[in-house]
Amino acid sequence: HLSLPTMAKKLPLHWAFSLLLHFSFSPTSHSLTTTTTDASALLSFKSSADTSNSLSNWTPNTTVCSWYGVTCLQGRVSKLVLEDFNLHGSFPTSLLSLSDLRVLSLKHNSFSGPLPTN
């Protein structure tokens, strides 16, 4: 496995510059952090609302984008559809941290309390 400086010595200058730009501005670490944040928010929601374990494939060792009812766009949770899952409790404020969430459907579950205003 060659390091970036070693690769740069063996490649023409324009290729070395392109590689440097790619590695400098790669969104991988940011996307991993935000995916982890999304997973944490959903796992918090699951722990309080899913006492019947309907969301059994929501586990820390699987990717959030493969969980029941979750749809991702560019690695972020954009849609959460959990209809008829026998979920209950107060409205899940942990879902507020899903900054890319555009669609939320919790029909035919049993949530109570006020909706957050933020």
C-alpha atoms as a PDB file:
ATOM      1  CA  HIS A   1       0.000   0.000   0.000  1.00  0.00           C
ATOM      2  CA  LEU A   2       1.632   3.249  -1.107  1.00  0.00           C
ATOM      3  CA  SER A   3       1.353   6.439   0.901  1.00  0.00           C
ATOM      4  CA  LEU A   4       0.128   9.613  -0.776  1.00  0.00           C
ATOM      5  CA  PRO A   5       3.642  11.234  -0.837  1.00  0.00           C
ATOM      6  CA  THR A   6       5.147   8.061  -2.387  1.00  0.00           C
ATOM      7  CA  MET A   7       2.380   7.924  -5.000  1.00  0.00           C
ATOM      8  CA  ALA A   8       2.897  11.620  -5.790  1.00  0.00           C
ATOM      9  CA  LYS A   9       6.586  11.004  -6.614  1.00  0.00           C
ATOM     10  CA  LYS A  10       5.658   8.304  -9.138  1.00  0.00           C
ATOM     11  CA  LEU A  11       2.794  10.159 -10.860  1.00  0.00           C
ATOM     12  CA  PRO A  12       2.771  13.160 -13.185  1.00  0.00           C
ATOM     13  CA  LEU A  13       2.118  16.446 -11.351  1.00  0.00           C
ATOM     14  CA  HIS A  14      -1.513  16.849 -12.500  1.00  0.00           C
ATOM     15  CA  TRP A  15      -2.360  13.320 -11.278  1.00  0.00           C
ATOM     16  CA  ALA A  16      -0.663  13.912  -7.932  1.00  0.00           C
ATOM     17  CA  PHE A  17      -2.616  17.160  -7.489  1.00  0.00           C
ATOM     18  CA  SER A  18      -5.890  15.385  -8.320  1.00  0.00           C
ATOM     19  CA  LEU A  19      -5.182  12.680  -5.737  1.00  0.00           C
ATOM     20  CA  LEU A  20      -4.302  15.293  -3.140  1.00  0.00           C
ATOM     21  CA  LEU A  21      -7.592  17.109  -3.765  1.00  0.00           C
ATOM     22  CA  HIS A  22      -9.533  13.858  -3.556  1.00  0.00           C
ATOM     23  CA  PHE A  23      -8.027  12.867  -0.209  1.00  0.00           C
ATOM     24  CA  SER A  24      -8.211  16.398   1.213  1.00  0.00           C
ATOM     25  CA  PHE A  25     -11.876  16.974   0.453  1.00  0.00           C
ATOM     26  CA  SER A  26     -13.264  13.468   0.695  1.00  0.00           C
ATOM     27  CA  PRO A  27     -16.570  13.582   2.659  1.00  0.00           C
ATOM     28  CA  THR A  28     -16.090  10.090   4.110  1.00  0.00           C
ATOM     29  CA  SER A  29     -15.423  11.067   7.717  1.00  0.00           C
ATOM     30  CA  HIS A  30     -18.261  13.623   7.789  1.00  0.00           C
ATOM     31  CA  SER A  31     -20.710  11.149   6.290  1.00  0.00           C
ATOM     32  CA  LEU A  32     -19.664   8.450   8.764  1.00  0.00           C
ATOM     33  CA  THR A  33     -20.215  10.860  11.668  1.00  0.00           C
ATOM     34  CA  THR A  34     -23.658  11.935  10.452  1.00  0.00           C
ATOM     35  CA  THR A  35     -24.713   8.346   9.764  1.00  0.00           C
ATOM     36  CA  THR A  36     -23.643   7.460  13.307  1.00  0.00           C
ATOM     37  CA  THR A  37     -25.662  10.422  14.618  1.00  0.00           C
ATOM     38  CA  ASP A  38     -28.722   9.240  12.667  1.00  0.00           C
ATOM     39  CA  ALA A  39     -28.308   5.697  13.988  1.00  0.00           C
ATOM     40  CA  SER A  40     -27.982   6.953  17.579  1.00  0.00           C
ATOM     41  CA  ALA A  41     -31.164   9.015  17.248  1.00  0.00           C
ATOM     42  CA  LEU A  42     -33.109   6.069  15.840  1.00  0.00           C
ATOM     43  CA  LEU A  43     -31.775   3.631  18.443  1.00  0.00           C
ATOM     44  CA  SER A  44     -32.815   6.059  21.176  1.00  0.00           C
ATOM     45  CA  PHE A  45     -36.285   6.224  19.628  1.00  0.00           C
ATOM     46  CA  LYS A  46     -36.424   2.419  19.414  1.00  0.00           C
ATOM     47  CA  SER A  47     -35.438   1.936  23.059  1.00  0.00           C
ATOM     48  CA  SER A  48     -38.302   4.122  24.269  1.00  0.00           C
ATOM     49  CA  ALA A  49     -41.053   3.278  21.756  1.00  0.00           C
ATOM     50  CA  ASP A  50     -40.532  -0.329  20.660  1.00  0.00           C
ATOM     51  CA  THR A  51     -41.258  -2.531  23.675  1.00  0.00           C
ATOM     52  CA  SER A  52     -42.513  -5.373  21.445  1.00  0.00           C
ATOM     53  CA  ASN A  53     -39.251  -5.452  19.433  1.00  0.00           C
ATOM     54  CA  SER A  54     -40.996  -4.841  16.112  1.00  0.00           C
ATOM     55  CA  LEU A  55     -37.859  -3.123  14.857  1.00  0.00           C
ATOM     56  CA  SER A  56     -35.672  -6.164  15.458  1.00  0.00           C
ATOM     57  CA  ASN A  57     -33.206  -5.419  12.663  1.00  0.00           C
ATOM     58  CA  TRP A  58     -32.380  -2.011  14.149  1.00  0.00           C
ATOM     59  CA  THR A  59     -29.071  -2.943  15.727  1.00  0.00           C
ATOM     60  CA  PRO A  60     -25.794  -1.062  16.125  1.00  0.00           C
ATOM     61  CA  ASN A  61     -23.947  -3.650  14.009  1.00  0.00           C
ATOM     62  CA  THR A  62     -26.085  -3.132  10.887  1.00  0.00           C
ATOM     63  CA  THR A  63     -26.199  -0.091   8.664  1.00  0.00           C
ATOM     64  CA  VAL A  64     -28.990   2.368   9.459  1.00  0.00           C
ATOM     65  CA  CYS A  65     -29.937   2.570   5.773  1.00  0.00           C
ATOM     66  CA  SER A  66     -30.929  -1.118   5.790  1.00  0.00           C
ATOM     67  CA  TRP A  67     -33.280  -0.894   8.780  1.00  0.00           C
ATOM     68  CA  TYR A  68     -37.040  -1.492   8.474  1.00  0.00           C
ATOM     69  CA  GLY A  69     -38.855   1.674   7.451  1.00  0.00           C
ATOM     70  CA  VAL A  70     -35.692   3.722   6.861  1.00  0.00           C
ATOM     71  CA  THR A  71     -34.786   5.261   3.531  1.00  0.00           C
ATOM     72  CA  CYS A  72     -31.515   7.107   3.046  1.00  0.00           C
ATOM     73  CA  LEU A  73     -30.342   9.655   0.556  1.00  0.00           C
ATOM     74  CA  GLN A  74     -26.580  10.129   0.265  1.00  0.00           C
ATOM     75  CA  GLY A  75     -26.036   8.126   3.458  1.00  0.00           C
ATOM     76  CA  ARG A  76     -28.451  10.180   5.595  1.00  0.00           C
ATOM     77  CA  VAL A  77     -31.906   9.198   6.845  1.00  0.00           C
ATOM     78  CA  SER A  78     -34.360  11.063   4.640  1.00  0.00           C
ATOM     79  CA  LYS A  79     -37.542   9.039   5.118  1.00  0.00           C
ATOM     80  CA  LEU A  80     -38.925   7.137   8.099  1.00  0.00           C
ATOM     81  CA  VAL A  81     -42.139   5.174   7.578  1.00  0.00           C
ATOM     82  CA  LEU A  82     -43.156   3.075  10.579  1.00  0.00           C
ATOM     83  CA  GLU A  83     -46.866   2.429  10.139  1.00  0.00           C
ATOM     84  CA  ASP A  84     -48.600  -0.307  12.183  1.00  0.00           C
ATOM     85  CA  PHE A  85     -45.503  -1.239  14.193  1.00  0.00           C
ATOM     86  CA  ASN A  86     -47.221  -1.198  17.614  1.00  0.00           C
ATOM     87  CA  LEU A  87     -44.974   1.651  18.764  1.00  0.00           C
ATOM     88  CA  HIS A  88     -46.050   3.809  21.707  1.00  0.00           C
ATOM     89  CA  GLY A  89     -45.028   6.462  24.182  1.00  0.00           C
ATOM     90  CA  SER A  90     -44.555  10.211  24.056  1.00  0.00           C
ATOM     91  CA  PHE A  91     -43.608  11.794  20.759  1.00  0.00           C
ATOM     92  CA  PRO A  92     -39.990  10.824  20.042  1.00  0.00           C
ATOM     93  CA  THR A  93     -37.942  14.024  20.381  1.00  0.00           C
ATOM     94  CA  SER A  94     -34.807  12.066  19.431  1.00  0.00           C
ATOM     95  CA  LEU A  95     -36.083  12.209  15.837  1.00  0.00           C
ATOM     96  CA  LEU A  96     -35.464  15.970  15.832  1.00  0.00           C
ATOM     97  CA  SER A  97     -31.748  15.320  15.319  1.00  0.00           C
ATOM     98  CA  LEU A  98     -32.415  13.663  11.939  1.00  0.00           C
ATOM     99  CA  SER A  99     -31.516  16.830  10.049  1.00  0.00           C
ATOM    100  CA  ASP A 100     -32.098  15.341   6.568  1.00  0.00           C
ATOM    101  CA  LEU A 101     -35.460  13.758   7.430  1.00  0.00           C
ATOM    102  CA  ARG A 102     -38.090  14.888   4.905  1.00  0.00           C
ATOM    103  CA  VAL A 103     -40.830  12.257   5.339  1.00  0.00           C
ATOM    104  CA  LEU A 104     -42.092  10.896   8.658  1.00  0.00           C
ATOM    105  CA  SER A 105     -45.080   8.574   8.961  1.00  0.00           C
ATOM    106  CA  LEU A 106     -45.983   6.996  12.283  1.00  0.00           C
ATOM    107  CA  LYS A 107     -49.607   6.148  11.423  1.00  0.00           C
ATOM    108  CA  HIS A 108     -51.468   3.518  13.415  1.00  0.00           C
ATOM    109  CA  ASN A 109     -49.155   3.575  16.420  1.00  0.00           C
ATOM    110  CA  SER A 110     -49.893   5.071  19.832  1.00  0.00           C
ATOM    111  CA  PHE A 111     -47.926   8.239  20.569  1.00  0.00           C
ATOM    112  CA  SER A 112     -49.120  10.924  22.953  1.00  0.00           C
ATOM    113  CA  GLY A 113     -48.144  14.343  24.201  1.00  0.00           C
ATOM    114  CA  PRO A 114     -47.314  17.586  22.441  1.00  0.00           C
ATOM    115  CA  LEU A 115     -45.424  17.767  19.175  1.00  0.00           C
ATOM    116  CA  PRO A 116     -42.076  19.549  19.497  1.00  0.00           C
ATOM    117  CA  THR A 117     -42.052  23.065  18.081  1.00  0.00           C
ATOM    118  CA  ASN A 118     -38.399  23.072  16.964  1.00  0.00           C
END
